[in-house]
Full PDB file with SEQRES, HELIX, SHEET, SSBOND, CRYST1, ORIGX, SCALE, CONECT and MASTER records, all heavy atoms in Angstrom:
SEQRES   1 A   42  ILE SER ARG ASP ASN ALA LYS ARG GLU VAL TYR LEU GLN          
SEQRES   2 A   42  MET ASN ASN VAL LYS PRO GLU ASP THR ALA VAL TYR TYR          
SEQRES   3 A   42  CYS ALA VAL PHE ALA PRO SER GLY TYR TRP GLY GLN GLY          
SEQRES   4 A   42  THR GLN VAL                                                  
HELIX    1 AA1 PRO A   19  ASP A   21  5                                   3    
SHEET    1 AA1 2 SER A   2  ASP A   4  0                                        
SHEET    2 AA1 2 GLU A   9  TYR A  11 -1                                        
SHEET    1 AA2 2 VAL A  24  TYR A  25  0                                        
SHEET    2 AA2 2 THR A  40  GLN A  41 -1                                        
SHEET    1 AA3 2 ALA A  28  PHE A  30  0                                        
SHEET    2 AA3 2 GLY A  34  TRP A  36 -1                                        
CRYST1    1.000    1.000    1.000  90.00  90.00  90.00 P 1           1          
ORIGX1      1.000000  0.000000  0.000000        0.00000                         
ORIGX2      0.000000  1.000000  0.000000        0.00000                         
ORIGX3      0.000000  0.000000  1.000000        0.00000                         
SCALE1      1.000000  0.000000  0.000000        0.00000                         
SCALE2      0.000000  1.000000  0.000000        0.00000                         
SCALE3      0.000000  0.000000  1.000000        0.00000                         
ATOM      1  N   ILE A   1      -2.960  -1.220  -8.382  1.00  0.00           N  
ATOM      2  CA  ILE A   1      -1.962  -1.933  -7.543  1.00  0.00           C  
ATOM      3  C   ILE A   1      -1.139  -2.844  -8.388  1.00  0.00           C  
ATOM      4  O   ILE A   1      -1.636  -3.446  -9.336  1.00  0.00           O  
ATOM      5  CB  ILE A   1      -2.704  -2.679  -6.437  1.00  0.00           C  
ATOM      6  CG1 ILE A   1      -1.700  -3.247  -5.371  1.00  0.00           C  
ATOM      7  CG2 ILE A   1      -3.605  -3.817  -7.004  1.00  0.00           C  
ATOM      8  CD1 ILE A   1      -2.360  -3.858  -4.151  1.00  0.00           C  
ATOM      9  N   SER A   2       0.125  -2.946  -8.034  1.00  0.00           N  
ATOM     10  CA  SER A   2       1.014  -3.804  -8.718  1.00  0.00           C  
ATOM     11  C   SER A   2       2.049  -4.360  -7.739  1.00  0.00           C  
ATOM     12  O   SER A   2       2.221  -3.815  -6.632  1.00  0.00           O  
ATOM     13  CB  SER A   2       1.670  -3.145  -9.876  1.00  0.00           C  
ATOM     14  OG  SER A   2       2.468  -2.025  -9.483  1.00  0.00           O  
ATOM     15  N   ARG A   3       2.788  -5.398  -8.103  1.00  0.00           N  
ATOM     16  CA  ARG A   3       3.792  -5.942  -7.220  1.00  0.00           C  
ATOM     17  C   ARG A   3       4.977  -6.440  -7.958  1.00  0.00           C  
ATOM     18  O   ARG A   3       4.866  -6.808  -9.158  1.00  0.00           O  
ATOM     19  CB  ARG A   3       3.168  -7.046  -6.362  1.00  0.00           C  
ATOM     20  CG  ARG A   3       2.659  -8.267  -7.180  1.00  0.00           C  
ATOM     21  CD  ARG A   3       1.876  -9.172  -6.260  1.00  0.00           C  
ATOM     22  NE  ARG A   3       2.765 -10.030  -5.419  1.00  0.00           N  
ATOM     23  CZ  ARG A   3       2.272 -10.867  -4.503  1.00  0.00           C  
ATOM     24  NH1 ARG A   3       0.979 -10.929  -4.249  1.00  0.00           N  
ATOM     25  NH2 ARG A   3       3.069 -11.647  -3.819  1.00  0.00           N  
ATOM     26  N   ASP A   4       6.140  -6.455  -7.321  1.00  0.00           N  
ATOM     27  CA  ASP A   4       7.383  -7.076  -7.862  1.00  0.00           C  
ATOM     28  C   ASP A   4       7.775  -8.183  -6.916  1.00  0.00           C  
ATOM     29  O   ASP A   4       8.261  -7.945  -5.804  1.00  0.00           O  
ATOM     30  CB  ASP A   4       8.420  -6.040  -7.996  1.00  0.00           C  
ATOM     31  CG  ASP A   4       9.672  -6.506  -8.689  1.00  0.00           C  
ATOM     32  OD1 ASP A   4      10.016  -7.675  -8.474  1.00  0.00           O  
ATOM     33  OD2 ASP A   4      10.325  -5.746  -9.382  1.00  0.00           O  
ATOM     34  N   ASN A   5       7.477  -9.418  -7.272  1.00  0.00           N  
ATOM     35  CA  ASN A   5       7.753 -10.532  -6.395  1.00  0.00           C  
ATOM     36  C   ASN A   5       9.184 -10.720  -6.089  1.00  0.00           C  
ATOM     37  O   ASN A   5       9.587 -11.082  -4.947  1.00  0.00           O  
ATOM     38  CB  ASN A   5       7.193 -11.873  -6.964  1.00  0.00           C  
ATOM     39  CG  ASN A   5       5.634 -11.818  -7.026  1.00  0.00           C  
ATOM     40  OD1 ASN A   5       5.010 -11.260  -6.178  1.00  0.00           O  
ATOM     41  ND2 ASN A   5       5.075 -12.438  -8.082  1.00  0.00           N  
ATOM     42  N   ALA A   6      10.088 -10.481  -7.040  1.00  0.00           N  
ATOM     43  CA  ALA A   6      11.514 -10.621  -6.854  1.00  0.00           C  
ATOM     44  C   ALA A   6      11.999  -9.653  -5.779  1.00  0.00           C  
ATOM     45  O   ALA A   6      12.814 -10.022  -4.983  1.00  0.00           O  
ATOM     46  CB  ALA A   6      12.212 -10.460  -8.133  1.00  0.00           C  
ATOM     47  N   LYS A   7      11.474  -8.449  -5.819  1.00  0.00           N  
ATOM     48  CA  LYS A   7      11.881  -7.399  -4.879  1.00  0.00           C  
ATOM     49  C   LYS A   7      11.054  -7.414  -3.596  1.00  0.00           C  
ATOM     50  O   LYS A   7      11.424  -6.714  -2.632  1.00  0.00           O  
ATOM     51  CB  LYS A   7      11.786  -6.005  -5.508  1.00  0.00           C  
ATOM     52  CG  LYS A   7      12.736  -5.785  -6.669  1.00  0.00           C  
ATOM     53  CD  LYS A   7      12.590  -4.399  -7.199  1.00  0.00           C  
ATOM     54  CE  LYS A   7      13.594  -4.106  -8.327  1.00  0.00           C  
ATOM     55  NZ  LYS A   7      13.435  -2.689  -8.853  1.00  0.00           N  
ATOM     56  N   ARG A   8       9.964  -8.186  -3.631  1.00  0.00           N  
ATOM     57  CA  ARG A   8       9.041  -8.185  -2.486  1.00  0.00           C  
ATOM     58  C   ARG A   8       8.455  -6.808  -2.195  1.00  0.00           C  
ATOM     59  O   ARG A   8       8.520  -6.362  -1.086  1.00  0.00           O  
ATOM     60  CB  ARG A   8       9.663  -8.864  -1.272  1.00  0.00           C  
ATOM     61  CG  ARG A   8      10.029 -10.331  -1.518  1.00  0.00           C  
ATOM     62  CD  ARG A   8      10.341 -11.060  -0.223  1.00  0.00           C  
ATOM     63  NE  ARG A   8      11.475 -10.496   0.487  1.00  0.00           N  
ATOM     64  CZ  ARG A   8      11.949 -11.042   1.631  1.00  0.00           C  
ATOM     65  NH1 ARG A   8      11.396 -12.126   2.126  1.00  0.00           N  
ATOM     66  NH2 ARG A   8      12.997 -10.538   2.178  1.00  0.00           N  
ATOM     67  N   GLU A   9       8.055  -6.188  -3.260  1.00  0.00           N  
ATOM     68  CA  GLU A   9       7.521  -4.823  -3.159  1.00  0.00           C  
ATOM     69  C   GLU A   9       6.115  -4.780  -3.759  1.00  0.00           C  
ATOM     70  O   GLU A   9       5.808  -5.540  -4.679  1.00  0.00           O  
ATOM     71  CB  GLU A   9       8.437  -3.822  -3.877  1.00  0.00           C  
ATOM     72  CG  GLU A   9       9.807  -3.628  -3.214  1.00  0.00           C  
ATOM     73  CD  GLU A   9      10.634  -2.664  -3.895  1.00  0.00           C  
ATOM     74  OE1 GLU A   9      10.214  -2.072  -4.949  1.00  0.00           O  
ATOM     75  OE2 GLU A   9      11.790  -2.355  -3.398  1.00  0.00           O  
ATOM     76  N   VAL A  10       5.328  -3.877  -3.205  1.00  0.00           N  
ATOM     77  CA  VAL A  10       4.020  -3.598  -3.762  1.00  0.00           C  
ATOM     78  C   VAL A  10       3.811  -2.122  -3.913  1.00  0.00           C  
ATOM     79  O   VAL A  10       4.396  -1.360  -3.205  1.00  0.00           O  
ATOM     80  CB  VAL A  10       2.946  -4.242  -2.842  1.00  0.00           C  
ATOM     81  CG1 VAL A  10       2.935  -3.588  -1.452  1.00  0.00           C  
ATOM     82  CG2 VAL A  10       1.482  -4.078  -3.469  1.00  0.00           C  
ATOM     83  N   TYR A  11       3.112  -1.757  -4.953  1.00  0.00           N  
ATOM     84  CA  TYR A  11       2.958  -0.344  -5.265  1.00  0.00           C  
ATOM     85  C   TYR A  11       1.457  -0.010  -5.473  1.00  0.00           C  
ATOM     86  O   TYR A  11       0.624  -0.825  -5.760  1.00  0.00           O  
ATOM     87  CB  TYR A  11       3.631  -0.026  -6.646  1.00  0.00           C  
ATOM     88  CG  TYR A  11       5.029  -0.609  -6.716  1.00  0.00           C  
ATOM     89  CD1 TYR A  11       5.218  -1.854  -7.409  1.00  0.00           C  
ATOM     90  CD2 TYR A  11       6.087  -0.038  -6.109  1.00  0.00           C  
ATOM     91  CE1 TYR A  11       6.529  -2.412  -7.476  1.00  0.00           C  
ATOM     92  CE2 TYR A  11       7.376  -0.610  -6.163  1.00  0.00           C  
ATOM     93  CZ  TYR A  11       7.564  -1.762  -6.853  1.00  0.00           C  
ATOM     94  OH  TYR A  11       8.813  -2.344  -6.944  1.00  0.00           O  
ATOM     95  N   LEU A  12       1.186   1.251  -5.213  1.00  0.00           N  
ATOM     96  CA  LEU A  12      -0.167   1.841  -5.532  1.00  0.00           C  
ATOM     97  C   LEU A  12      -0.066   3.079  -6.340  1.00  0.00           C  
ATOM     98  O   LEU A  12       0.411   4.081  -5.739  1.00  0.00           O  
ATOM     99  CB  LEU A  12      -0.932   1.990  -4.169  1.00  0.00           C  
ATOM    100  CG  LEU A  12      -2.405   2.382  -4.312  1.00  0.00           C  
ATOM    101  CD1 LEU A  12      -3.216   1.252  -4.897  1.00  0.00           C  
ATOM    102  CD2 LEU A  12      -3.009   2.899  -3.016  1.00  0.00           C  
ATOM    103  N   GLN A  13      -0.451   2.997  -7.530  1.00  0.00           N  
ATOM    104  CA  GLN A  13      -0.529   4.255  -8.338  1.00  0.00           C  
ATOM    105  C   GLN A  13      -1.859   4.889  -8.199  1.00  0.00           C  
ATOM    106  O   GLN A  13      -2.848   4.249  -8.472  1.00  0.00           O  
ATOM    107  CB  GLN A  13      -0.261   3.870  -9.840  1.00  0.00           C  
ATOM    108  CG  GLN A  13      -0.306   5.036 -10.792  1.00  0.00           C  
ATOM    109  CD  GLN A  13       0.755   6.006 -10.558  1.00  0.00           C  
ATOM    110  OE1 GLN A  13       1.924   5.648 -10.351  1.00  0.00           O  
ATOM    111  NE2 GLN A  13       0.440   7.328 -10.539  1.00  0.00           N  
ATOM    112  N   MET A  14      -1.833   6.105  -7.734  1.00  0.00           N  
ATOM    113  CA  MET A  14      -3.080   6.822  -7.425  1.00  0.00           C  
ATOM    114  C   MET A  14      -3.176   7.966  -8.406  1.00  0.00           C  
ATOM    115  O   MET A  14      -2.367   8.920  -8.426  1.00  0.00           O  
ATOM    116  CB  MET A  14      -3.000   7.336  -5.966  1.00  0.00           C  
ATOM    117  CG  MET A  14      -2.735   6.244  -4.943  1.00  0.00           C  
ATOM    118  SD  MET A  14      -2.340   6.958  -3.312  1.00  0.00           S  
ATOM    119  CE  MET A  14      -3.783   7.864  -2.915  1.00  0.00           C  
ATOM    120  N   ASN A  15      -4.185   7.920  -9.266  1.00  0.00           N  
ATOM    121  CA  ASN A  15      -4.442   8.953 -10.237  1.00  0.00           C  
ATOM    122  C   ASN A  15      -5.744   9.634  -9.977  1.00  0.00           C  
ATOM    123  O   ASN A  15      -6.647   9.082  -9.312  1.00  0.00           O  
ATOM    124  CB  ASN A  15      -4.448   8.384 -11.701  1.00  0.00           C  
ATOM    125  CG  ASN A  15      -3.126   7.774 -12.091  1.00  0.00           C  
ATOM    126  OD1 ASN A  15      -2.052   8.264 -11.645  1.00  0.00           O  
ATOM    127  ND2 ASN A  15      -3.140   6.818 -12.916  1.00  0.00           N  
ATOM    128  N   ASN A  16      -5.855  10.849 -10.427  1.00  0.00           N  
ATOM    129  CA  ASN A  16      -7.145  11.625 -10.268  1.00  0.00           C  
ATOM    130  C   ASN A  16      -7.588  11.610  -8.774  1.00  0.00           C  
ATOM    131  O   ASN A  16      -8.771  11.239  -8.532  1.00  0.00           O  
ATOM    132  CB  ASN A  16      -8.184  11.106 -11.207  1.00  0.00           C  
ATOM    133  CG  ASN A  16      -9.411  12.008 -11.241  1.00  0.00           C  
ATOM    134  OD1 ASN A  16      -9.348  13.195 -10.927  1.00  0.00           O  
ATOM    135  ND2 ASN A  16     -10.574  11.371 -11.577  1.00  0.00           N  
ATOM    136  N   VAL A  17      -6.671  11.893  -7.930  1.00  0.00           N  
ATOM    137  CA  VAL A  17      -7.013  11.742  -6.486  1.00  0.00           C  
ATOM    138  C   VAL A  17      -8.064  12.822  -6.120  1.00  0.00           C  
ATOM    139  O   VAL A  17      -8.179  13.893  -6.673  1.00  0.00           O  
ATOM    140  CB  VAL A  17      -5.751  11.871  -5.630  1.00  0.00           C  
ATOM    141  CG1 VAL A  17      -4.824  10.708  -5.837  1.00  0.00           C  
ATOM    142  CG2 VAL A  17      -5.013  13.178  -5.803  1.00  0.00           C  
ATOM    143  N   LYS A  18      -8.809  12.480  -5.065  1.00  0.00           N  
ATOM    144  CA  LYS A  18      -9.861  13.326  -4.538  1.00  0.00           C  
ATOM    145  C   LYS A  18      -9.619  13.648  -3.036  1.00  0.00           C  
ATOM    146  O   LYS A  18      -8.902  12.858  -2.386  1.00  0.00           O  
ATOM    147  CB  LYS A  18     -11.195  12.627  -4.716  1.00  0.00           C  
ATOM    148  CG  LYS A  18     -11.482  12.198  -6.115  1.00  0.00           C  
ATOM    149  CD  LYS A  18     -12.828  11.416  -6.170  1.00  0.00           C  
ATOM    150  CE  LYS A  18     -13.104  11.050  -7.608  1.00  0.00           C  
ATOM    151  NZ  LYS A  18     -14.410  10.243  -7.684  1.00  0.00           N  
ATOM    152  N   PRO A  19     -10.187  14.692  -2.579  1.00  0.00           N  
ATOM    153  CA  PRO A  19      -9.956  15.040  -1.135  1.00  0.00           C  
ATOM    154  C   PRO A  19     -10.378  13.898  -0.201  1.00  0.00           C  
ATOM    155  O   PRO A  19      -9.818  13.658   0.834  1.00  0.00           O  
ATOM    156  CB  PRO A  19     -10.901  16.268  -0.935  1.00  0.00           C  
ATOM    157  CG  PRO A  19     -10.903  16.925  -2.268  1.00  0.00           C  
ATOM    158  CD  PRO A  19     -10.869  15.831  -3.251  1.00  0.00           C  
ATOM    159  N   GLU A  20     -11.425  13.086  -0.607  1.00  0.00           N  
ATOM    160  CA  GLU A  20     -11.868  11.982   0.223  1.00  0.00           C  
ATOM    161  C   GLU A  20     -10.836  10.782   0.187  1.00  0.00           C  
ATOM    162  O   GLU A  20     -11.050   9.826   0.921  1.00  0.00           O  
ATOM    163  CB  GLU A  20     -13.228  11.442  -0.207  1.00  0.00           C  
ATOM    164  CG  GLU A  20     -13.398  11.172  -1.714  1.00  0.00           C  
ATOM    165  CD  GLU A  20     -13.973  12.356  -2.475  1.00  0.00           C  
ATOM    166  OE1 GLU A  20     -13.599  13.578  -2.215  1.00  0.00           O  
ATOM    167  OE2 GLU A  20     -14.870  12.109  -3.358  1.00  0.00           O  
ATOM    168  N   ASP A  21      -9.801  10.927  -0.546  1.00  0.00           N  
ATOM    169  CA  ASP A  21      -8.711   9.929  -0.559  1.00  0.00           C  
ATOM    170  C   ASP A  21      -7.723  10.238   0.568  1.00  0.00           C  
ATOM    171  O   ASP A  21      -6.812   9.387   0.882  1.00  0.00           O  
ATOM    172  CB  ASP A  21      -7.933   9.876  -1.868  1.00  0.00           C  
ATOM    173  CG  ASP A  21      -8.806   9.368  -3.023  1.00  0.00           C  
ATOM    174  OD1 ASP A  21      -9.616   8.464  -2.784  1.00  0.00           O  
ATOM    175  OD2 ASP A  21      -8.688   9.865  -4.108  1.00  0.00           O  
ATOM    176  N   THR A  22      -7.918  11.322   1.192  1.00  0.00           N  
ATOM    177  CA  THR A  22      -6.984  11.733   2.330  1.00  0.00           C  
ATOM    178  C   THR A  22      -7.131  10.670   3.461  1.00  0.00           C  
ATOM    179  O   THR A  22      -8.187  10.422   3.955  1.00  0.00           O  
ATOM    180  CB  THR A  22      -7.358  13.062   2.889  1.00  0.00           C  
ATOM    181  OG1 THR A  22      -7.098  14.086   1.871  1.00  0.00           O  
ATOM    182  CG2 THR A  22      -6.553  13.496   4.117  1.00  0.00           C  
ATOM    183  N   ALA A  23      -5.990  10.143   3.798  1.00  0.00           N  
ATOM    184  CA  ALA A  23      -5.939   9.048   4.820  1.00  0.00           C  
ATOM    185  C   ALA A  23      -4.501   8.616   5.135  1.00  0.00           C  
ATOM    186  O   ALA A  23      -3.625   9.040   4.317  1.00  0.00           O  
ATOM    187  CB  ALA A  23      -6.752   7.852   4.401  1.00  0.00           C  
ATOM    188  N   VAL A  24      -4.303   7.871   6.150  1.00  0.00           N  
ATOM    189  CA  VAL A  24      -3.050   7.114   6.305  1.00  0.00           C  
ATOM    190  C   VAL A  24      -3.167   5.776   5.541  1.00  0.00           C  
ATOM    191  O   VAL A  24      -4.156   5.081   5.741  1.00  0.00           O  
ATOM    192  CB  VAL A  24      -2.762   6.909   7.785  1.00  0.00           C  
ATOM    193  CG1 VAL A  24      -1.444   6.083   7.957  1.00  0.00           C  
ATOM    194  CG2 VAL A  24      -2.619   8.176   8.569  1.00  0.00           C  
ATOM    195  N   TYR A  25      -2.234   5.568   4.638  1.00  0.00           N  
ATOM    196  CA  TYR A  25      -2.243   4.361   3.862  1.00  0.00           C  
ATOM    197  C   TYR A  25      -1.259   3.343   4.437  1.00  0.00           C  
ATOM    198  O   TYR A  25      -0.112   3.633   4.669  1.00  0.00           O  
ATOM    199  CB  TYR A  25      -1.864   4.706   2.451  1.00  0.00           C  
ATOM    200  CG  TYR A  25      -3.054   5.318   1.643  1.00  0.00           C  
ATOM    201  CD1 TYR A  25      -3.438   6.664   2.002  1.00  0.00           C  
ATOM    202  CD2 TYR A  25      -3.733   4.654   0.663  1.00  0.00           C  
ATOM    203  CE1 TYR A  25      -4.451   7.255   1.329  1.00  0.00           C  
ATOM    204  CE2 TYR A  25      -4.815   5.269  -0.005  1.00  0.00           C  
ATOM    205  CZ  TYR A  25      -5.162   6.555   0.340  1.00  0.00           C  
ATOM    206  OH  TYR A  25      -6.220   7.141  -0.318  1.00  0.00           O  
ATOM    207  N   TYR A  26      -1.758   2.107   4.604  1.00  0.00           N  
ATOM    208  CA  TYR A  26      -0.975   1.044   5.190  1.00  0.00           C  
ATOM    209  C   TYR A  26      -0.784  -0.093   4.212  1.00  0.00           C  
ATOM    210  O   TYR A  26      -1.725  -0.541   3.494  1.00  0.00           O  
ATOM    211  CB  TYR A  26      -1.720   0.480   6.373  1.00  0.00           C  
ATOM    212  CG  TYR A  26      -1.932   1.419   7.540  1.00  0.00           C  
ATOM    213  CD1 TYR A  26      -3.034   2.205   7.640  1.00  0.00           C  
ATOM    214  CD2 TYR A  26      -0.948   1.544   8.498  1.00  0.00           C  
ATOM    215  CE1 TYR A  26      -3.206   3.107   8.684  1.00  0.00           C  
ATOM    216  CE2 TYR A  26      -1.151   2.434   9.596  1.00  0.00           C  
ATOM    217  CZ  TYR A  26      -2.273   3.222   9.684  1.00  0.00           C  
ATOM    218  OH  TYR A  26      -2.452   4.051  10.726  1.00  0.00           O  
ATOM    219  N   CYS A  27       0.427  -0.540   4.134  1.00  0.00           N  
ATOM    220  CA  CYS A  27       0.801  -1.733   3.348  1.00  0.00           C  
ATOM    221  C   CYS A  27       0.530  -2.958   4.210  1.00  0.00           C  
ATOM    222  O   CYS A  27       0.851  -2.911   5.427  1.00  0.00           O  
ATOM    223  CB  CYS A  27       2.202  -1.585   2.893  1.00  0.00           C  
ATOM    224  SG  CYS A  27       2.951  -3.052   2.209  1.00  0.00           S  
ATOM    225  N   ALA A  28       0.092  -4.039   3.603  1.00  0.00           N  
ATOM    226  CA  ALA A  28      -0.141  -5.267   4.349  1.00  0.00           C  
ATOM    227  C   ALA A  28       0.281  -6.451   3.452  1.00  0.00           C  
ATOM    228  O   ALA A  28       0.068  -6.434   2.271  1.00  0.00           O  
ATOM    229  CB  ALA A  28      -1.593  -5.445   4.709  1.00  0.00           C  
ATOM    230  N   VAL A  29       0.931  -7.428   4.092  1.00  0.00           N  
ATOM    231  CA  VAL A  29       1.429  -8.645   3.436  1.00  0.00           C  
ATOM    232  C   VAL A  29       0.858  -9.802   4.165  1.00  0.00           C  
ATOM    233  O   VAL A  29       0.941  -9.861   5.396  1.00  0.00           O  
ATOM    234  CB  VAL A  29       2.920  -8.657   3.400  1.00  0.00           C  
ATOM    235  CG1 VAL A  29       3.423  -9.999   2.987  1.00  0.00           C  
ATOM    236  CG2 VAL A  29       3.467  -7.580   2.429  1.00  0.00           C  
ATOM    237  N   PHE A  30       0.318 -10.789   3.460  1.00  0.00           N  
ATOM    238  CA  PHE A  30      -0.201 -11.970   4.063  1.00  0.00           C  
ATOM    239  C   PHE A  30       0.660 -13.199   3.543  1.00  0.00           C  
ATOM    240  O   PHE A  30       0.622 -13.467   2.351  1.00  0.00           O  
ATOM    241  CB  PHE A  30      -1.637 -12.177   3.771  1.00  0.00           C  
ATOM    242  CG  PHE A  30      -2.462 -10.984   4.247  1.00  0.00           C  
ATOM    243  CD1 PHE A  30      -2.640  -9.866   3.460  1.00  0.00           C  
ATOM    244  CD2 PHE A  30      -2.919 -10.933   5.589  1.00  0.00           C  
ATOM    245  CE1 PHE A  30      -3.363  -8.757   3.963  1.00  0.00           C  
ATOM    246  CE2 PHE A  30      -3.638  -9.860   6.045  1.00  0.00           C  
ATOM    247  CZ  PHE A  30      -3.824  -8.727   5.258  1.00  0.00           C  
ATOM    248  N   ALA A  31       1.324 -13.858   4.499  1.00  0.00           N  
ATOM    249  CA  ALA A  31       2.313 -14.883   4.043  1.00  0.00           C  
ATOM    250  C   ALA A  31       2.389 -16.111   4.951  1.00  0.00           C  
ATOM    251  O   ALA A  31       3.536 -16.512   5.247  1.00  0.00           O  
ATOM    252  CB  ALA A  31       3.631 -14.210   3.948  1.00  0.00           C  
ATOM    253  N   PRO A  32       1.428 -16.844   5.324  1.00  0.00           N  
ATOM    254  CA  PRO A  32      -0.024 -16.310   5.344  1.00  0.00           C  
ATOM    255  C   PRO A  32      -0.375 -15.452   6.529  1.00  0.00           C  
ATOM    256  O   PRO A  32      -1.360 -14.814   6.511  1.00  0.00           O  
ATOM    257  CB  PRO A  32      -0.771 -17.669   5.423  1.00  0.00           C  
ATOM    258  CG  PRO A  32       0.132 -18.586   6.191  1.00  0.00           C  
ATOM    259  CD  PRO A  32       1.511 -18.244   5.824  1.00  0.00           C  
ATOM    260  N   SER A  33       0.546 -15.427   7.524  1.00  0.00           N  
ATOM    261  CA  SER A  33       0.332 -14.522   8.622  1.00  0.00           C  
ATOM    262  C   SER A  33       0.338 -13.063   8.065  1.00  0.00           C  
ATOM    263  O   SER A  33       0.989 -12.763   7.071  1.00  0.00           O  
ATOM    264  CB  SER A  33       1.346 -14.629   9.697  1.00  0.00           C  
ATOM    265  OG  SER A  33       1.297 -15.911  10.228  1.00  0.00           O  
ATOM    266  N   GLY A  34      -0.417 -12.199   8.688  1.00  0.00           N  
ATOM    267  CA  GLY A  34      -0.467 -10.808   8.245  1.00  0.00           C  
ATOM    268  C   GLY A  34       0.558  -9.911   8.862  1.00  0.00           C  
ATOM    269  O   GLY A  34       0.813 -10.032  10.113  1.00  0.00           O  
ATOM    270  N   TYR A  35       1.152  -9.056   8.108  1.00  0.00           N  
ATOM    271  CA  TYR A  35       2.164  -8.103   8.559  1.00  0.00           C  
ATOM    272  C   TYR A  35       1.730  -6.728   8.025  1.00  0.00           C  
ATOM    273  O   TYR A  35       1.272  -6.605   6.886  1.00  0.00           O  
ATOM    274  CB  TYR A  35       3.556  -8.436   8.059  1.00  0.00           C  
ATOM    275  CG  TYR A  35       3.996  -9.808   8.450  1.00  0.00           C  
ATOM    276  CD1 TYR A  35       3.835 -10.905   7.615  1.00  0.00           C  
ATOM    277  CD2 TYR A  35       4.545 -10.054   9.764  1.00  0.00           C  
ATOM    278  CE1 TYR A  35       4.262 -12.163   7.937  1.00  0.00           C  
ATOM    279  CE2 TYR A  35       4.968 -11.343  10.035  1.00  0.00           C  
ATOM    280  CZ  TYR A  35       4.793 -12.413   9.201  1.00  0.00           C  
ATOM    281  OH  TYR A  35       5.196 -13.652   9.594  1.00  0.00           O  
ATOM    282  N   TRP A  36       1.974  -5.716   8.854  1.00  0.00           N  
ATOM    283  CA  TRP A  36       1.541  -4.358   8.495  1.00  0.00           C  
ATOM    284  C   TRP A  36       2.668  -3.382   8.562  1.00  0.00           C  
ATOM    285  O   TRP A  36       3.530  -3.520   9.482  1.00  0.00           O  
ATOM    286  CB  TRP A  36       0.392  -3.913   9.436  1.00  0.00           C  
ATOM    287  CG  TRP A  36      -0.839  -4.680   9.268  1.00  0.00           C  
ATOM    288  CD1 TRP A  36      -1.108  -5.904   9.765  1.00  0.00           C  
ATOM    289  CD2 TRP A  36      -1.956  -4.324   8.463  1.00  0.00           C  
ATOM    290  NE1 TRP A  36      -2.416  -6.340   9.414  1.00  0.00           N  
ATOM    291  CE2 TRP A  36      -2.930  -5.407   8.600  1.00  0.00           C  
ATOM    292  CE3 TRP A  36      -2.345  -3.199   7.712  1.00  0.00           C  
ATOM    293  CZ2 TRP A  36      -4.173  -5.401   7.924  1.00  0.00           C  
ATOM    294  CZ3 TRP A  36      -3.564  -3.193   7.045  1.00  0.00           C  
ATOM    295  CH2 TRP A  36      -4.475  -4.267   7.191  1.00  0.00           C  
ATOM    296  N   GLY A  37       2.647  -2.357   7.723  1.00  0.00           N  
ATOM    297  CA  GLY A  37       3.571  -1.331   7.788  1.00  0.00           C  
ATOM    298  C   GLY A  37       3.117  -0.261   8.785  1.00  0.00           C  
ATOM    299  O   GLY A  37       2.054  -0.370   9.366  1.00  0.00           O  
ATOM    300  N   GLN A  38       3.869   0.757   8.957  1.00  0.00           N  
ATOM    301  CA  GLN A  38       3.580   1.780   9.951  1.00  0.00           C  
ATOM    302  C   GLN A  38       2.628   2.863   9.325  1.00  0.00           C  
ATOM    303  O   GLN A  38       2.032   3.600  10.042  1.00  0.00           O  
ATOM    304  CB  GLN A  38       4.878   2.526  10.388  1.00  0.00           C  
ATOM    305  CG  GLN A  38       5.803   1.617  11.156  1.00  0.00           C  
ATOM    306  CD  GLN A  38       5.187   1.206  12.493  1.00  0.00           C  
ATOM    307  OE1 GLN A  38       4.671   2.003  13.238  1.00  0.00           O  
ATOM    308  NE2 GLN A  38       5.216  -0.094  12.720  1.00  0.00           N  
ATOM    309  N   GLY A  39       2.544   2.878   8.024  1.00  0.00           N  
ATOM    310  CA  GLY A  39       1.558   3.819   7.377  1.00  0.00           C  
ATOM    311  C   GLY A  39       2.315   5.047   6.838  1.00  0.00           C  
ATOM    312  O   GLY A  39       3.317   5.435   7.311  1.00  0.00           O  
ATOM    313  N   THR A  40       1.663   5.595   5.780  1.00  0.00           N  
ATOM    314  CA  THR A  40       2.158   6.804   5.211  1.00  0.00           C  
ATOM    315  C   THR A  40       1.012   7.741   4.917  1.00  0.00           C  
ATOM    316  O   THR A  40      -0.022   7.336   4.441  1.00  0.00           O  
ATOM    317  CB  THR A  40       2.996   6.536   3.878  1.00  0.00           C  
ATOM    318  OG1 THR A  40       3.553   7.736   3.370  1.00  0.00           O  
ATOM    319  CG2 THR A  40       2.133   5.895   2.785  1.00  0.00           C  
ATOM    320  N   GLN A  41       1.175   8.985   5.272  1.00  0.00           N  
ATOM    321  CA  GLN A  41       0.074   9.973   5.152  1.00  0.00           C  
ATOM    322  C   GLN A  41      -0.113  10.453   3.727  1.00  0.00           C  
ATOM    323  O   GLN A  41       0.874  10.829   3.090  1.00  0.00           O  
ATOM    324  CB  GLN A  41       0.275  11.174   6.103  1.00  0.00           C  
ATOM    325  CG  GLN A  41      -0.745  12.249   6.001  1.00  0.00           C  
ATOM    326  CD  GLN A  41      -2.093  11.860   6.539  1.00  0.00           C  
ATOM    327  OE1 GLN A  41      -2.155  11.317   7.679  1.00  0.00           O  
ATOM    328  NE2 GLN A  41      -3.156  12.133   5.850  1.00  0.00           N  
ATOM    329  N   VAL A  42      -1.334  10.467   3.235  1.00  0.00           N  
ATOM    330  CA  VAL A  42      -1.642  10.998   1.948  1.00  0.00           C  
ATOM    331  C   VAL A  42      -2.732  12.069   2.244  1.00  0.00           C  
ATOM    332  O   VAL A  42      -3.723  11.844   2.820  1.00  0.00           O  
ATOM    333  CB  VAL A  42      -2.174   9.977   0.961  1.00  0.00           C  
ATOM    334  CG1 VAL A  42      -2.742  10.628  -0.282  1.00  0.00           C  
ATOM    335  CG2 VAL A  42      -1.102   8.972   0.636  1.00  0.00           C  
TER     336      VAL A  42                                                      
MASTER        0    0    0    1    6    0    0    6  335    1    0    4          
END                                                                             
């Protein structure tokens, strides 16, 4: 996981993925209230 504070972006580099990694992945930000994205299917 990494982030770019200036761009307000967060990334997830996924290597050597496995079938058990199959899921909907959600981004979350705590500022301090929590905010969630809609999710992206992997």
